[in-house]
N, C-alpha and C. Protein backbone atom coordinates (compact mmCIF):
# COMPACT_ATOMS: atom_id res chain seq x y z
N MET A 1 -70.67 52.62 -11.22
CA MET A 1 -71.40 53.37 -12.22
C MET A 1 -72.88 52.98 -12.21
N LYS A 2 -73.15 51.66 -12.08
CA LYS A 2 -74.52 51.19 -12.05
C LYS A 2 -75.25 51.75 -10.82
N ASN A 3 -74.56 51.79 -9.66
CA ASN A 3 -75.16 52.33 -8.45
C ASN A 3 -75.47 53.83 -8.60
N LEU A 4 -74.61 54.53 -9.32
CA LEU A 4 -74.82 55.96 -9.55
C LEU A 4 -76.08 56.17 -10.40
N ARG A 5 -76.27 55.35 -11.45
CA ARG A 5 -77.46 55.45 -12.28
C ARG A 5 -78.73 55.15 -11.48
N ILE A 6 -78.67 54.13 -10.65
CA ILE A 6 -79.82 53.77 -9.82
C ILE A 6 -80.14 54.89 -8.84
N ALA A 7 -79.11 55.45 -8.22
CA ALA A 7 -79.31 56.55 -7.28
C ALA A 7 -79.89 57.77 -7.99
N LEU A 8 -79.39 58.06 -9.19
CA LEU A 8 -79.89 59.19 -9.96
C LEU A 8 -81.36 58.98 -10.36
N LEU A 9 -81.67 57.77 -10.80
CA LEU A 9 -83.04 57.44 -11.18
C LEU A 9 -83.97 57.55 -9.97
N LEU A 10 -83.53 57.04 -8.83
CA LEU A 10 -84.32 57.11 -7.61
C LEU A 10 -84.54 58.57 -7.21
N PHE A 11 -83.52 59.40 -7.33
CA PHE A 11 -83.63 60.82 -7.01
C PHE A 11 -84.67 61.49 -7.90
N VAL A 12 -84.63 61.21 -9.21
CA VAL A 12 -85.57 61.81 -10.16
C VAL A 12 -87.00 61.36 -9.84
N VAL A 13 -87.19 60.09 -9.54
CA VAL A 13 -88.52 59.57 -9.21
C VAL A 13 -89.03 60.21 -7.92
N LEU A 14 -88.19 60.28 -6.91
CA LEU A 14 -88.61 60.88 -5.64
C LEU A 14 -88.88 62.37 -5.80
N LEU A 15 -88.11 63.04 -6.61
CA LEU A 15 -88.32 64.46 -6.86
C LEU A 15 -89.68 64.68 -7.51
N GLY A 16 -90.01 63.86 -8.47
CA GLY A 16 -91.31 63.95 -9.13
C GLY A 16 -92.44 63.65 -8.17
N CYS A 17 -92.30 62.65 -7.34
CA CYS A 17 -93.34 62.31 -6.38
C CYS A 17 -93.49 63.37 -5.31
N GLY A 18 -92.41 64.02 -4.97
CA GLY A 18 -92.45 65.07 -3.96
C GLY A 18 -93.27 66.25 -4.41
N ASN A 19 -93.42 66.45 -5.70
CA ASN A 19 -94.21 67.56 -6.21
C ASN A 19 -95.68 67.24 -6.30
N MET A 20 -96.07 66.01 -6.08
CA MET A 20 -97.47 65.62 -6.16
C MET A 20 -98.07 65.75 -4.76
N SER A 21 -99.20 66.42 -4.66
CA SER A 21 -99.86 66.53 -3.37
C SER A 21 -101.34 66.74 -3.60
N ALA A 22 -102.11 66.64 -2.51
CA ALA A 22 -103.56 66.87 -2.60
C ALA A 22 -103.85 68.32 -2.97
N ASN A 23 -102.90 69.21 -2.76
CA ASN A 23 -103.11 70.62 -3.06
C ASN A 23 -102.60 71.02 -4.43
N GLN A 24 -102.12 70.07 -5.19
CA GLN A 24 -101.58 70.36 -6.51
C GLN A 24 -102.69 70.79 -7.44
N ASP A 25 -102.38 71.69 -8.36
CA ASP A 25 -103.36 72.16 -9.32
C ASP A 25 -103.56 71.13 -10.42
N ALA A 26 -103.90 69.93 -10.03
CA ALA A 26 -104.09 68.86 -11.00
C ALA A 26 -105.44 69.01 -11.67
N LYS A 27 -105.47 68.71 -12.94
CA LYS A 27 -106.69 68.80 -13.72
C LYS A 27 -107.71 67.81 -13.16
N GLY A 28 -108.90 68.32 -12.88
CA GLY A 28 -109.97 67.43 -12.46
C GLY A 28 -110.01 67.06 -11.00
N GLU A 29 -109.35 67.80 -10.13
CA GLU A 29 -109.36 67.50 -8.71
C GLU A 29 -109.78 68.71 -7.90
N VAL A 30 -110.47 68.47 -6.80
CA VAL A 30 -110.76 69.52 -5.84
C VAL A 30 -109.47 69.79 -5.07
N ILE A 31 -109.17 71.06 -4.85
CA ILE A 31 -107.92 71.46 -4.22
C ILE A 31 -108.22 72.11 -2.88
N HIS A 32 -107.69 71.56 -1.80
CA HIS A 32 -107.85 72.12 -0.46
C HIS A 32 -106.80 73.20 -0.25
N LEU A 33 -107.25 74.36 0.23
CA LEU A 33 -106.35 75.50 0.39
C LEU A 33 -106.16 75.89 1.85
N THR A 34 -104.92 76.23 2.17
CA THR A 34 -104.60 76.89 3.42
C THR A 34 -104.62 78.39 3.14
N LYS A 35 -104.49 79.19 4.18
CA LYS A 35 -104.46 80.65 4.00
C LYS A 35 -103.31 81.06 3.09
N GLU A 36 -102.15 80.47 3.28
CA GLU A 36 -100.98 80.82 2.47
C GLU A 36 -101.21 80.46 1.00
N GLN A 37 -101.78 79.30 0.75
CA GLN A 37 -102.07 78.90 -0.63
C GLN A 37 -103.15 79.79 -1.24
N PHE A 38 -104.14 80.16 -0.44
CA PHE A 38 -105.19 81.05 -0.91
C PHE A 38 -104.57 82.38 -1.36
N MET A 39 -103.66 82.90 -0.55
CA MET A 39 -103.04 84.18 -0.87
C MET A 39 -102.15 84.09 -2.11
N ALA A 40 -101.65 82.92 -2.42
CA ALA A 40 -100.80 82.75 -3.60
C ALA A 40 -101.61 82.43 -4.86
N LYS A 41 -102.73 81.72 -4.70
CA LYS A 41 -103.48 81.24 -5.87
C LYS A 41 -104.76 82.01 -6.17
N VAL A 42 -105.35 82.60 -5.13
CA VAL A 42 -106.65 83.23 -5.32
C VAL A 42 -106.56 84.75 -5.16
N MET A 43 -106.22 85.20 -3.96
CA MET A 43 -106.17 86.63 -3.70
C MET A 43 -105.24 86.91 -2.54
N ASN A 44 -104.33 87.85 -2.76
CA ASN A 44 -103.47 88.30 -1.67
C ASN A 44 -104.12 89.52 -1.05
N TYR A 45 -104.97 89.29 -0.07
CA TYR A 45 -105.75 90.36 0.53
C TYR A 45 -104.91 91.26 1.43
N LYS A 46 -103.72 90.84 1.77
CA LYS A 46 -102.84 91.73 2.55
C LYS A 46 -102.17 92.74 1.62
N GLN A 47 -101.86 92.30 0.43
CA GLN A 47 -101.24 93.18 -0.56
C GLN A 47 -102.29 94.11 -1.19
N ASN A 48 -103.51 93.63 -1.37
CA ASN A 48 -104.61 94.41 -1.96
C ASN A 48 -105.81 94.38 -1.02
N PRO A 49 -105.75 95.10 0.10
CA PRO A 49 -106.84 95.00 1.09
C PRO A 49 -108.13 95.69 0.66
N ASP A 50 -108.07 96.61 -0.28
CA ASP A 50 -109.25 97.40 -0.62
C ASP A 50 -109.92 97.01 -1.93
N LYS A 51 -109.33 96.08 -2.67
CA LYS A 51 -109.97 95.69 -3.92
C LYS A 51 -109.70 94.22 -4.23
N TRP A 52 -110.60 93.64 -4.99
CA TRP A 52 -110.50 92.25 -5.39
C TRP A 52 -109.54 92.13 -6.57
N VAL A 53 -108.47 91.38 -6.39
CA VAL A 53 -107.53 91.10 -7.47
C VAL A 53 -107.35 89.59 -7.50
N TYR A 54 -108.02 88.95 -8.44
CA TYR A 54 -107.94 87.48 -8.55
C TYR A 54 -106.63 87.10 -9.21
N LEU A 55 -105.91 86.17 -8.61
CA LEU A 55 -104.59 85.76 -9.08
C LEU A 55 -104.60 84.54 -9.99
N GLY A 56 -105.72 83.88 -10.12
CA GLY A 56 -105.78 82.64 -10.89
C GLY A 56 -105.69 82.85 -12.38
N ASP A 57 -105.34 81.78 -13.09
CA ASP A 57 -105.25 81.84 -14.54
C ASP A 57 -106.51 81.28 -15.22
N LYS A 58 -107.46 80.83 -14.41
CA LYS A 58 -108.79 80.43 -14.90
C LYS A 58 -109.77 80.62 -13.75
N PRO A 59 -111.06 80.71 -14.05
CA PRO A 59 -112.04 80.96 -12.99
C PRO A 59 -112.03 79.87 -11.93
N CYS A 60 -112.60 80.21 -10.77
CA CYS A 60 -112.64 79.20 -9.71
C CYS A 60 -113.95 79.27 -8.92
N LEU A 61 -114.22 78.17 -8.27
CA LEU A 61 -115.31 78.05 -7.31
C LEU A 61 -114.64 77.68 -5.99
N ILE A 62 -114.97 78.41 -4.93
CA ILE A 62 -114.40 78.12 -3.62
C ILE A 62 -115.52 77.67 -2.70
N ASP A 63 -115.36 76.51 -2.10
CA ASP A 63 -116.32 75.97 -1.15
C ASP A 63 -115.78 76.19 0.26
N PHE A 64 -116.43 77.09 1.02
CA PHE A 64 -116.12 77.25 2.43
C PHE A 64 -116.99 76.25 3.17
N TYR A 65 -116.35 75.30 3.83
CA TYR A 65 -117.08 74.17 4.42
C TYR A 65 -116.56 73.88 5.82
N ALA A 66 -117.26 72.98 6.51
CA ALA A 66 -116.82 72.47 7.80
C ALA A 66 -116.96 70.95 7.78
N THR A 67 -116.03 70.28 8.43
CA THR A 67 -116.04 68.81 8.42
C THR A 67 -117.24 68.22 9.14
N TRP A 68 -117.83 68.98 10.07
CA TRP A 68 -118.98 68.51 10.86
C TRP A 68 -120.32 68.81 10.20
N CYS A 69 -120.32 69.52 9.09
CA CYS A 69 -121.54 70.02 8.45
C CYS A 69 -122.13 68.97 7.51
N GLY A 70 -123.38 68.56 7.78
CA GLY A 70 -124.06 67.57 6.94
C GLY A 70 -124.21 68.00 5.49
N PRO A 71 -124.75 69.20 5.22
CA PRO A 71 -124.87 69.65 3.83
C PRO A 71 -123.51 69.74 3.12
N CYS A 72 -122.47 70.11 3.87
CA CYS A 72 -121.12 70.17 3.28
C CYS A 72 -120.67 68.78 2.85
N LYS A 73 -120.97 67.79 3.69
CA LYS A 73 -120.59 66.41 3.36
C LYS A 73 -121.32 65.91 2.11
N ARG A 74 -122.57 66.32 1.96
CA ARG A 74 -123.33 65.92 0.77
C ARG A 74 -122.83 66.65 -0.48
N LEU A 75 -122.37 67.88 -0.31
CA LEU A 75 -121.89 68.68 -1.43
C LEU A 75 -120.52 68.19 -1.93
N GLY A 76 -119.72 67.62 -1.04
CA GLY A 76 -118.37 67.18 -1.40
C GLY A 76 -118.29 66.32 -2.64
N PRO A 77 -119.05 65.22 -2.72
CA PRO A 77 -118.99 64.37 -3.92
C PRO A 77 -119.45 65.09 -5.19
N VAL A 78 -120.40 66.01 -5.05
CA VAL A 78 -120.86 66.79 -6.20
C VAL A 78 -119.72 67.65 -6.72
N LEU A 79 -118.99 68.27 -5.82
CA LEU A 79 -117.85 69.10 -6.23
C LEU A 79 -116.75 68.25 -6.86
N ASP A 80 -116.56 67.04 -6.36
CA ASP A 80 -115.60 66.13 -6.99
C ASP A 80 -116.00 65.84 -8.44
N GLU A 81 -117.29 65.58 -8.66
CA GLU A 81 -117.79 65.33 -10.02
C GLU A 81 -117.59 66.54 -10.91
N LEU A 82 -117.91 67.72 -10.38
CA LEU A 82 -117.75 68.96 -11.16
C LEU A 82 -116.29 69.22 -11.49
N ALA A 83 -115.40 68.93 -10.55
CA ALA A 83 -113.97 69.12 -10.80
C ALA A 83 -113.52 68.24 -11.95
N GLU A 84 -114.04 67.01 -12.02
CA GLU A 84 -113.72 66.11 -13.11
C GLU A 84 -114.31 66.61 -14.43
N GLU A 85 -115.58 67.00 -14.39
CA GLU A 85 -116.28 67.44 -15.59
C GLU A 85 -115.72 68.75 -16.16
N TYR A 86 -115.33 69.66 -15.28
CA TYR A 86 -114.84 70.97 -15.72
C TYR A 86 -113.32 71.08 -15.59
N GLY A 87 -112.64 69.96 -15.42
CA GLY A 87 -111.18 69.96 -15.29
C GLY A 87 -110.53 70.66 -16.48
N GLY A 88 -109.58 71.52 -16.19
CA GLY A 88 -108.91 72.28 -17.24
C GLY A 88 -109.59 73.59 -17.56
N LYS A 89 -110.86 73.75 -17.13
CA LYS A 89 -111.60 74.99 -17.41
C LYS A 89 -111.72 75.89 -16.18
N ILE A 90 -111.89 75.26 -15.01
CA ILE A 90 -112.00 76.01 -13.76
C ILE A 90 -111.24 75.26 -12.67
N TYR A 91 -110.93 75.98 -11.60
CA TYR A 91 -110.43 75.35 -10.38
C TYR A 91 -111.59 75.23 -9.41
N ILE A 92 -111.59 74.16 -8.64
CA ILE A 92 -112.53 74.05 -7.53
C ILE A 92 -111.69 73.89 -6.28
N TYR A 93 -111.84 74.89 -5.39
CA TYR A 93 -111.08 74.93 -4.14
C TYR A 93 -112.00 74.69 -2.97
N LYS A 94 -111.43 74.17 -1.87
CA LYS A 94 -112.16 74.00 -0.62
C LYS A 94 -111.35 74.67 0.49
N VAL A 95 -112.06 75.36 1.37
CA VAL A 95 -111.43 76.00 2.53
C VAL A 95 -112.20 75.57 3.77
N ASP A 96 -111.51 74.95 4.70
CA ASP A 96 -112.09 74.50 5.96
C ASP A 96 -112.21 75.72 6.89
N VAL A 97 -113.44 76.13 7.20
CA VAL A 97 -113.65 77.34 7.99
C VAL A 97 -113.12 77.22 9.42
N ASP A 98 -113.04 76.01 9.94
CA ASP A 98 -112.53 75.84 11.29
C ASP A 98 -111.01 75.98 11.35
N LYS A 99 -110.35 75.63 10.26
CA LYS A 99 -108.89 75.76 10.20
C LYS A 99 -108.46 77.13 9.69
N GLU A 100 -109.27 77.73 8.85
CA GLU A 100 -108.92 79.00 8.20
C GLU A 100 -109.96 80.07 8.54
N ARG A 101 -110.01 80.41 9.83
CA ARG A 101 -111.00 81.38 10.32
C ARG A 101 -110.83 82.76 9.69
N GLU A 102 -109.60 83.15 9.44
CA GLU A 102 -109.35 84.47 8.85
C GLU A 102 -109.96 84.57 7.45
N LEU A 103 -109.83 83.51 6.66
CA LEU A 103 -110.42 83.49 5.32
C LEU A 103 -111.95 83.51 5.39
N ALA A 104 -112.49 82.75 6.33
CA ALA A 104 -113.95 82.74 6.50
C ALA A 104 -114.45 84.13 6.88
N ALA A 105 -113.73 84.81 7.75
CA ALA A 105 -114.12 86.16 8.15
C ALA A 105 -114.01 87.13 6.98
N LEU A 106 -112.99 86.98 6.17
CA LEU A 106 -112.78 87.85 5.02
C LEU A 106 -113.98 87.81 4.08
N PHE A 107 -114.55 86.62 3.89
CA PHE A 107 -115.70 86.46 3.00
C PHE A 107 -117.03 86.49 3.77
N GLN A 108 -116.95 86.87 5.04
CA GLN A 108 -118.14 86.97 5.89
C GLN A 108 -118.98 85.70 5.86
N VAL A 109 -118.30 84.58 5.97
CA VAL A 109 -118.99 83.28 5.97
C VAL A 109 -119.65 83.10 7.33
N SER A 110 -120.97 83.12 7.34
CA SER A 110 -121.72 82.96 8.59
C SER A 110 -122.44 81.61 8.64
N SER A 111 -122.51 80.94 7.50
CA SER A 111 -123.09 79.60 7.46
C SER A 111 -122.35 78.80 6.40
N VAL A 112 -122.35 77.50 6.60
CA VAL A 112 -121.66 76.62 5.66
C VAL A 112 -122.67 75.63 5.09
N PRO A 113 -122.48 75.23 3.86
CA PRO A 113 -121.45 75.70 2.94
C PRO A 113 -121.78 77.08 2.37
N THR A 114 -120.73 77.84 2.12
CA THR A 114 -120.82 79.08 1.37
C THR A 114 -119.94 78.90 0.15
N LEU A 115 -120.48 79.16 -1.01
CA LEU A 115 -119.75 79.00 -2.26
C LEU A 115 -119.42 80.38 -2.83
N VAL A 116 -118.18 80.53 -3.27
CA VAL A 116 -117.73 81.78 -3.88
C VAL A 116 -117.33 81.46 -5.31
N PHE A 117 -117.97 82.15 -6.25
CA PHE A 117 -117.68 81.97 -7.67
C PHE A 117 -116.83 83.14 -8.12
N CYS A 118 -115.63 82.86 -8.63
CA CYS A 118 -114.67 83.90 -9.01
C CYS A 118 -114.43 83.86 -10.51
N PRO A 119 -115.16 84.70 -11.26
CA PRO A 119 -114.90 84.77 -12.71
C PRO A 119 -113.64 85.58 -12.98
N MET A 120 -113.12 85.46 -14.17
CA MET A 120 -111.94 86.23 -14.56
C MET A 120 -112.34 87.69 -14.77
N GLY A 121 -111.59 88.60 -14.17
CA GLY A 121 -111.78 90.03 -14.39
C GLY A 121 -113.03 90.64 -13.78
N GLU A 122 -113.70 89.92 -12.90
CA GLU A 122 -114.90 90.44 -12.26
C GLU A 122 -114.86 90.13 -10.77
N ASN A 123 -115.74 90.77 -10.01
CA ASN A 123 -115.83 90.51 -8.58
C ASN A 123 -116.46 89.14 -8.33
N PRO A 124 -116.13 88.53 -7.20
CA PRO A 124 -116.70 87.23 -6.88
C PRO A 124 -118.17 87.34 -6.51
N GLN A 125 -118.87 86.24 -6.65
CA GLN A 125 -120.29 86.16 -6.28
C GLN A 125 -120.45 85.03 -5.28
N LEU A 126 -121.24 85.27 -4.23
CA LEU A 126 -121.45 84.30 -3.18
C LEU A 126 -122.80 83.63 -3.28
N ALA A 127 -122.84 82.37 -2.88
CA ALA A 127 -124.10 81.63 -2.76
C ALA A 127 -124.00 80.81 -1.48
N LYS A 128 -125.09 80.77 -0.73
CA LYS A 128 -125.09 80.01 0.53
C LYS A 128 -125.92 78.75 0.37
N GLY A 129 -125.44 77.69 1.01
CA GLY A 129 -126.17 76.44 1.01
C GLY A 129 -125.63 75.45 -0.01
N ALA A 130 -126.04 74.20 0.18
CA ALA A 130 -125.63 73.11 -0.70
C ALA A 130 -126.55 73.11 -1.92
N LEU A 131 -126.12 73.78 -2.96
CA LEU A 131 -126.92 73.88 -4.18
C LEU A 131 -126.89 72.55 -4.94
N PRO A 132 -127.99 72.23 -5.64
CA PRO A 132 -127.99 71.00 -6.45
C PRO A 132 -126.99 71.10 -7.60
N LYS A 133 -126.55 69.97 -8.07
CA LYS A 133 -125.57 69.92 -9.15
C LYS A 133 -126.02 70.70 -10.37
N GLU A 134 -127.28 70.58 -10.74
CA GLU A 134 -127.80 71.27 -11.93
C GLU A 134 -127.65 72.79 -11.78
N THR A 135 -127.95 73.30 -10.60
CA THR A 135 -127.82 74.73 -10.33
C THR A 135 -126.35 75.16 -10.38
N LEU A 136 -125.49 74.34 -9.81
CA LEU A 136 -124.05 74.65 -9.84
C LEU A 136 -123.54 74.68 -11.28
N CYS A 137 -123.99 73.74 -12.10
CA CYS A 137 -123.59 73.72 -13.51
C CYS A 137 -124.04 74.99 -14.22
N GLU A 138 -125.28 75.41 -13.95
CA GLU A 138 -125.79 76.64 -14.56
C GLU A 138 -124.94 77.85 -14.16
N ILE A 139 -124.63 77.95 -12.88
CA ILE A 139 -123.82 79.07 -12.40
C ILE A 139 -122.42 79.03 -13.01
N ILE A 140 -121.83 77.84 -13.06
CA ILE A 140 -120.50 77.71 -13.66
C ILE A 140 -120.53 78.18 -15.10
N GLU A 141 -121.54 77.75 -15.85
CA GLU A 141 -121.64 78.13 -17.27
C GLU A 141 -121.91 79.62 -17.45
N LYS A 142 -122.82 80.19 -16.64
CA LYS A 142 -123.25 81.57 -16.83
C LYS A 142 -122.32 82.59 -16.17
N VAL A 143 -121.70 82.22 -15.06
CA VAL A 143 -120.87 83.18 -14.33
C VAL A 143 -119.38 82.97 -14.60
N LEU A 144 -118.94 81.72 -14.54
CA LEU A 144 -117.50 81.46 -14.67
C LEU A 144 -117.02 81.29 -16.09
N LEU A 145 -117.83 80.65 -16.94
CA LEU A 145 -117.37 80.31 -18.29
C LEU A 145 -118.06 81.11 -19.39
N LYS A 146 -118.71 82.18 -19.05
CA LYS A 146 -119.47 82.94 -20.06
C LYS A 146 -118.60 83.49 -21.17
């Protein structure tokens, strides 16, 4: 009986840990997206090819970046800070353009970083380049959280 309780407890703990990942919609974290996750959390462009239908339950900022890009590397810690500061209010997603070329093409990403701001019920807005934190905060407040 004691072994059964231990096994059951271990199962519950492992089950809970199995649900934790870097891609989890945890409050205050930047979330890295694959194409499949993008289609489930942001927009299913195959189902709605002609119009923007945002699937999220709160606004988001998407950073299209590359691992080799200097400005992208400098922007990363800023996005981490913003994810912490705006946790629970917005999602901050990252998409690696080298791994997710189809997504980069969909948003016509020709330079990195490219930031996509997705407010609720409106079309997304794009910004190119590593914007300063103050500018990002202004855009988040005026576009995403208005």
